[in-house]
Amino acid sequence: AAALLMHRFTGFPLPQCVGRGTGLD
């Protein structure tokens, strides 16, 4: 949810907003 909000409010591309969260490979 935070990555989607970041993408929409900042205009950064979605790949730049999405991380590993709780530890995804």
PDB file of all heavy atoms in Angstrom:
ATOM      1  N   ALA A   1       0.837  -1.204   0.000  1.00  0.00           N
ATOM      2  CA  ALA A   1       0.000   0.000   0.000  1.00  0.00           C
ATOM      3  C   ALA A   1       0.867   1.246   0.000  1.00  0.00           C
ATOM      4  O   ALA A   1       0.599   2.216  -0.728  1.00  0.00           O
ATOM      5  CB  ALA A   1      -0.925  -0.020   1.213  1.00  0.00           C
ATOM      6  N   ALA A   2       1.932   1.238   0.799  1.00  0.00           N
ATOM      7  CA  ALA A   2       2.808   2.407   0.877  1.00  0.00           C
ATOM      8  C   ALA A   2       3.495   2.676  -0.455  1.00  0.00           C
ATOM      9  O   ALA A   2       3.659   3.832  -0.863  1.00  0.00           O
ATOM     10  CB  ALA A   2       3.841   2.207   1.987  1.00  0.00           C
ATOM     11  N   ALA A   3       3.919   1.621  -1.142  1.00  0.00           N
ATOM     12  CA  ALA A   3       4.572   1.797  -2.444  1.00  0.00           C
ATOM     13  C   ALA A   3       3.612   2.407  -3.459  1.00  0.00           C
ATOM     14  O   ALA A   3       4.002   3.278  -4.255  1.00  0.00           O
ATOM     15  CB  ALA A   3       5.103   0.455  -2.943  1.00  0.00           C
ATOM     16  N   LEU A   4       2.363   1.971  -3.441  1.00  0.00           N
ATOM     17  CA  LEU A   4       1.375   2.527  -4.357  1.00  0.00           C
ATOM     18  C   LEU A   4       1.085   3.990  -4.040  1.00  0.00           C
ATOM     19  O   LEU A   4       0.953   4.817  -4.960  1.00  0.00           O
ATOM     20  CB  LEU A   4       0.089   1.695  -4.289  1.00  0.00           C
ATOM     21  CG  LEU A   4       0.190   0.312  -4.926  1.00  0.00           C
ATOM     22  CD1 LEU A   4      -0.920  -0.599  -4.420  1.00  0.00           C
ATOM     23  CD2 LEU A   4       0.145   0.412  -6.453  1.00  0.00           C
ATOM     24  N   LEU A   5       0.998   4.330  -2.766  1.00  0.00           N
ATOM     25  CA  LEU A   5       0.802   5.730  -2.386  1.00  0.00           C
ATOM     26  C   LEU A   5       1.997   6.574  -2.811  1.00  0.00           C
ATOM     27  O   LEU A   5       1.849   7.685  -3.337  1.00  0.00           O
ATOM     28  CB  LEU A   5       0.578   5.838  -0.877  1.00  0.00           C
ATOM     29  CG  LEU A   5      -0.720   5.237  -0.350  1.00  0.00           C
ATOM     30  CD1 LEU A   5      -0.715   5.197   1.175  1.00  0.00           C
ATOM     31  CD2 LEU A   5      -1.939   6.015  -0.860  1.00  0.00           C
ATOM     32  N   MET A   6       3.196   6.046  -2.597  1.00  0.00           N
ATOM     33  CA  MET A   6       4.403   6.764  -3.009  1.00  0.00           C
ATOM     34  C   MET A   6       4.386   7.024  -4.515  1.00  0.00           C
ATOM     35  O   MET A   6       4.656   8.143  -4.970  1.00  0.00           O
ATOM     36  CB  MET A   6       5.639   5.947  -2.619  1.00  0.00           C
ATOM     37  CG  MET A   6       6.943   6.529  -3.106  1.00  0.00           C
ATOM     38  SD  MET A   6       8.336   5.417  -2.791  1.00  0.00           S
ATOM     39  CE  MET A   6       9.633   6.271  -3.706  1.00  0.00           C
ATOM     40  N   HIS A   7       4.094   5.997  -5.262  1.00  0.00           N
ATOM     41  CA  HIS A   7       4.052   6.115  -6.717  1.00  0.00           C
ATOM     42  C   HIS A   7       3.079   7.207  -7.150  1.00  0.00           C
ATOM     43  O   HIS A   7       3.400   8.060  -8.000  1.00  0.00           O
ATOM     44  CB  HIS A   7       3.637   4.759  -7.301  1.00  0.00           C
ATOM     45  CG  HIS A   7       3.295   4.785  -8.757  1.00  0.00           C
ATOM     46  ND1 HIS A   7       4.195   5.164  -9.733  1.00  0.00           N
ATOM     47  CD2 HIS A   7       2.131   4.464  -9.405  1.00  0.00           C
ATOM     48  CE1 HIS A   7       3.611   5.074 -10.913  1.00  0.00           C
ATOM     49  NE2 HIS A   7       2.373   4.653 -10.745  1.00  0.00           N
ATOM     50  N   ARG A   8       1.903   7.230  -6.543  1.00  0.00           N
ATOM     51  CA  ARG A   8       0.871   8.169  -6.966  1.00  0.00           C
ATOM     52  C   ARG A   8       1.180   9.601  -6.504  1.00  0.00           C
ATOM     53  O   ARG A   8       0.958  10.561  -7.246  1.00  0.00           O
ATOM     54  CB  ARG A   8      -0.484   7.719  -6.433  1.00  0.00           C
ATOM     55  CG  ARG A   8      -1.666   8.449  -7.028  1.00  0.00           C
ATOM     56  CD  ARG A   8      -1.740   8.326  -8.550  1.00  0.00           C
ATOM     57  NE  ARG A   8      -1.777   6.952  -9.005  1.00  0.00           N
ATOM     58  CZ  ARG A   8      -2.896   6.248  -9.136  1.00  0.00           C
ATOM     59  NH1 ARG A   8      -4.065   6.781  -8.828  1.00  0.00           N
ATOM     60  NH2 ARG A   8      -2.858   5.015  -9.583  1.00  0.00           N
ATOM     61  N   PHE A   9       1.713   9.765  -5.289  1.00  0.00           N
ATOM     62  CA  PHE A   9       1.909  11.116  -4.763  1.00  0.00           C
ATOM     63  C   PHE A   9       3.227  11.749  -5.191  1.00  0.00           C
ATOM     64  O   PHE A   9       3.343  12.973  -5.211  1.00  0.00           O
ATOM     65  CB  PHE A   9       1.811  11.111  -3.232  1.00  0.00           C
ATOM     66  CG  PHE A   9       0.403  11.019  -2.731  1.00  0.00           C
ATOM     67  CD1 PHE A   9      -0.085   9.848  -2.188  1.00  0.00           C
ATOM     68  CD2 PHE A   9      -0.464  12.100  -2.824  1.00  0.00           C
ATOM     69  CE1 PHE A   9      -1.391   9.742  -1.746  1.00  0.00           C
ATOM     70  CE2 PHE A   9      -1.768  12.011  -2.382  1.00  0.00           C
ATOM     71  CZ  PHE A   9      -2.237  10.834  -1.835  1.00  0.00           C
ATOM     72  N   THR A  10       4.231  10.940  -5.506  1.00  0.00           N
ATOM     73  CA  THR A  10       5.532  11.500  -5.877  1.00  0.00           C
ATOM     74  C   THR A  10       5.790  11.462  -7.370  1.00  0.00           C
ATOM     75  O   THR A  10       6.633  12.214  -7.873  1.00  0.00           O
ATOM     76  CB  THR A  10       6.686  10.746  -5.197  1.00  0.00           C
ATOM     77  OG1 THR A  10       6.762   9.405  -5.723  1.00  0.00           O
ATOM     78  CG2 THR A  10       6.494  10.687  -3.683  1.00  0.00           C
ATOM     79  N   GLY A  11       5.112  10.563  -8.079  1.00  0.00           N
ATOM     80  CA  GLY A  11       5.368  10.406  -9.499  1.00  0.00           C
ATOM     81  C   GLY A  11       6.549   9.519  -9.829  1.00  0.00           C
ATOM     82  O   GLY A  11       6.874   9.316 -11.008  1.00  0.00           O
ATOM     83  N   PHE A  12       7.213   8.954  -8.812  1.00  0.00           N
ATOM     84  CA  PHE A  12       8.311   8.033  -9.086  1.00  0.00           C
ATOM     85  C   PHE A  12       7.761   6.773  -9.766  1.00  0.00           C
ATOM     86  O   PHE A  12       6.668   6.306  -9.433  1.00  0.00           O
ATOM     87  CB  PHE A  12       9.031   7.635  -7.799  1.00  0.00           C
ATOM     88  CG  PHE A  12       9.948   8.687  -7.254  1.00  0.00           C
ATOM     89  CD1 PHE A  12       9.666   9.313  -6.046  1.00  0.00           C
ATOM     90  CD2 PHE A  12      11.104   9.051  -7.925  1.00  0.00           C
ATOM     91  CE1 PHE A  12      10.510  10.292  -5.538  1.00  0.00           C
ATOM     92  CE2 PHE A  12      11.953  10.028  -7.419  1.00  0.00           C
ATOM     93  CZ  PHE A  12      11.654  10.652  -6.228  1.00  0.00           C
ATOM     94  N   PRO A  13       8.514   6.193 -10.709  1.00  0.00           N
ATOM     95  CA  PRO A  13       8.065   4.943 -11.336  1.00  0.00           C
ATOM     96  C   PRO A  13       7.872   3.854 -10.287  1.00  0.00           C
ATOM     97  O   PRO A  13       8.619   3.784  -9.310  1.00  0.00           O
ATOM     98  CB  PRO A  13       9.214   4.593 -12.286  1.00  0.00           C
ATOM     99  CG  PRO A  13       9.964   5.869 -12.495  1.00  0.00           C
ATOM    100  CD  PRO A  13       9.810   6.654 -11.231  1.00  0.00           C
ATOM    101  N   LEU A  14       6.889   3.014 -10.492  1.00  0.00           N
ATOM    102  CA  LEU A  14       6.554   1.995  -9.507  1.00  0.00           C
ATOM    103  C   LEU A  14       7.741   1.090  -9.143  1.00  0.00           C
ATOM    104  O   LEU A  14       7.921   0.776  -7.953  1.00  0.00           O
ATOM    105  CB  LEU A  14       5.360   1.176  -9.993  1.00  0.00           C
ATOM    106  CG  LEU A  14       4.636   0.326  -8.949  1.00  0.00           C
ATOM    107  CD1 LEU A  14       4.175   1.166  -7.760  1.00  0.00           C
ATOM    108  CD2 LEU A  14       3.427  -0.352  -9.593  1.00  0.00           C
ATOM    109  N   PRO A  15       8.587   0.669 -10.100  1.00  0.00           N
ATOM    110  CA  PRO A  15       9.727  -0.174  -9.705  1.00  0.00           C
ATOM    111  C   PRO A  15      10.654   0.501  -8.688  1.00  0.00           C
ATOM    112  O   PRO A  15      11.295  -0.182  -7.884  1.00  0.00           O
ATOM    113  CB  PRO A  15      10.458  -0.432 -11.025  1.00  0.00           C
ATOM    114  CG  PRO A  15       9.393  -0.325 -12.055  1.00  0.00           C
ATOM    115  CD  PRO A  15       8.491   0.771 -11.572  1.00  0.00           C
ATOM    116  N   GLN A  16      10.697   1.830  -8.710  1.00  0.00           N
ATOM    117  CA  GLN A  16      11.536   2.572  -7.765  1.00  0.00           C
ATOM    118  C   GLN A  16      10.893   2.620  -6.380  1.00  0.00           C
ATOM    119  O   GLN A  16      11.567   2.905  -5.396  1.00  0.00           O
ATOM    120  CB  GLN A  16      11.744   3.997  -8.291  1.00  0.00           C
ATOM    121  CG  GLN A  16      12.990   4.678  -7.786  1.00  0.00           C
ATOM    122  CD  GLN A  16      13.287   5.946  -8.566  1.00  0.00           C
ATOM    123  OE1 GLN A  16      12.907   6.086  -9.729  1.00  0.00           O
ATOM    124  NE2 GLN A  16      13.962   6.885  -7.944  1.00  0.00           N
ATOM    125  N   CYS A  17       9.612   2.318  -6.309  1.00  0.00           N
ATOM    126  CA  CYS A  17       8.858   2.407  -5.053  1.00  0.00           C
ATOM    127  C   CYS A  17       8.728   1.064  -4.343  1.00  0.00           C
ATOM    128  O   CYS A  17       8.391   1.028  -3.155  1.00  0.00           O
ATOM    129  CB  CYS A  17       7.451   2.945  -5.327  1.00  0.00           C
ATOM    130  SG  CYS A  17       7.397   4.518  -6.223  1.00  0.00           S
ATOM    131  N   VAL A  18       8.968  -0.022  -5.045  1.00  0.00           N
ATOM    132  CA  VAL A  18       8.683  -1.355  -4.519  1.00  0.00           C
ATOM    133  C   VAL A  18       9.958  -1.997  -3.990  1.00  0.00           C
ATOM    134  O   VAL A  18      10.969  -2.075  -4.688  1.00  0.00           O
ATOM    135  CB  VAL A  18       8.066  -2.255  -5.614  1.00  0.00           C
ATOM    136  CG1 VAL A  18       7.848  -3.671  -5.091  1.00  0.00           C
ATOM    137  CG2 VAL A  18       6.742  -1.655  -6.088  1.00  0.00           C
ATOM    138  N   GLY A  19       9.905  -2.451  -2.730  1.00  0.00           N
ATOM    139  CA  GLY A  19      11.059  -3.094  -2.111  1.00  0.00           C
ATOM    140  C   GLY A  19      10.719  -4.477  -1.582  1.00  0.00           C
ATOM    141  O   GLY A  19       9.680  -5.059  -1.906  1.00  0.00           O
ATOM    142  N   ARG A  20      11.601  -4.960  -0.713  1.00  0.00           N
ATOM    143  CA  ARG A  20      11.488  -6.341  -0.231  1.00  0.00           C
ATOM    144  C   ARG A  20      10.525  -6.498   0.937  1.00  0.00           C
ATOM    145  O   ARG A  20      10.216  -7.624   1.340  1.00  0.00           O
ATOM    146  CB  ARG A  20      12.879  -6.862   0.160  1.00  0.00           C
ATOM    147  CG  ARG A  20      13.826  -6.903  -1.012  1.00  0.00           C
ATOM    148  CD  ARG A  20      15.150  -7.575  -0.693  1.00  0.00           C
ATOM    149  NE  ARG A  20      16.035  -7.501  -1.838  1.00  0.00           N
ATOM    150  CZ  ARG A  20      16.010  -8.345  -2.871  1.00  0.00           C
ATOM    151  NH1 ARG A  20      15.137  -9.339  -2.883  1.00  0.00           N
ATOM    152  NH2 ARG A  20      16.836  -8.191  -3.890  1.00  0.00           N
ATOM    153  N   GLY A  21      10.062  -5.380   1.504  1.00  0.00           N
ATOM    154  CA  GLY A  21       9.113  -5.480   2.607  1.00  0.00           C
ATOM    155  C   GLY A  21       9.672  -6.279   3.763  1.00  0.00           C
ATOM    156  O   GLY A  21      10.738  -5.978   4.293  1.00  0.00           O
ATOM    157  N   THR A  22       8.976  -7.337   4.141  1.00  0.00           N
ATOM    158  CA  THR A  22       9.403  -8.162   5.273  1.00  0.00           C
ATOM    159  C   THR A  22      10.487  -9.168   4.903  1.00  0.00           C
ATOM    160  O   THR A  22      10.827 -10.032   5.710  1.00  0.00           O
ATOM    161  CB  THR A  22       8.192  -8.914   5.857  1.00  0.00           C
ATOM    162  OG1 THR A  22       7.469  -9.542   4.789  1.00  0.00           O
ATOM    163  CG2 THR A  22       7.282  -7.962   6.602  1.00  0.00           C
ATOM    164  N   GLY A  23      11.034  -9.087   3.669  1.00  0.00           N
ATOM    165  CA  GLY A  23      12.148  -9.957   3.318  1.00  0.00           C
ATOM    166  C   GLY A  23      11.928 -10.838   2.106  1.00  0.00           C
ATOM    167  O   GLY A  23      12.403 -11.977   2.063  1.00  0.00           O
ATOM    168  N   LEU A  24      11.233 -10.332   1.098  1.00  0.00           N
ATOM    169  CA  LEU A  24      11.012 -11.109  -0.121  1.00  0.00           C
ATOM    170  C   LEU A  24      12.329 -11.347  -0.863  1.00  0.00           C
ATOM    171  O   LEU A  24      13.221 -10.493  -0.870  1.00  0.00           O
ATOM    172  CB  LEU A  24      10.053 -10.360  -1.050  1.00  0.00           C
ATOM    173  CG  LEU A  24       8.588 -10.240  -0.610  1.00  0.00           C
ATOM    174  CD1 LEU A  24       7.851  -9.285  -1.536  1.00  0.00           C
ATOM    175  CD2 LEU A  24       7.912 -11.606  -0.589  1.00  0.00           C
ATOM    176  N   ASP A  25      12.434 -12.495  -1.511  1.00  0.00           N
ATOM    177  CA  ASP A  25      13.576 -12.744  -2.393  1.00  0.00           C
ATOM    178  C   ASP A  25      13.308 -12.063  -3.744  1.00  0.00           C
ATOM    179  O   ASP A  25      12.272 -11.408  -3.935  1.00  0.00           O
ATOM    180  CB  ASP A  25      13.832 -14.245  -2.551  1.00  0.00           C
ATOM    181  CG  ASP A  25      12.642 -15.011  -3.110  1.00  0.00           C
ATOM    182  OD1 ASP A  25      11.709 -14.378  -3.659  1.00  0.00           O
ATOM    183  OD2 ASP A  25      12.643 -16.259  -2.986  1.00  0.00           O
TER     184      ASP A  25
END
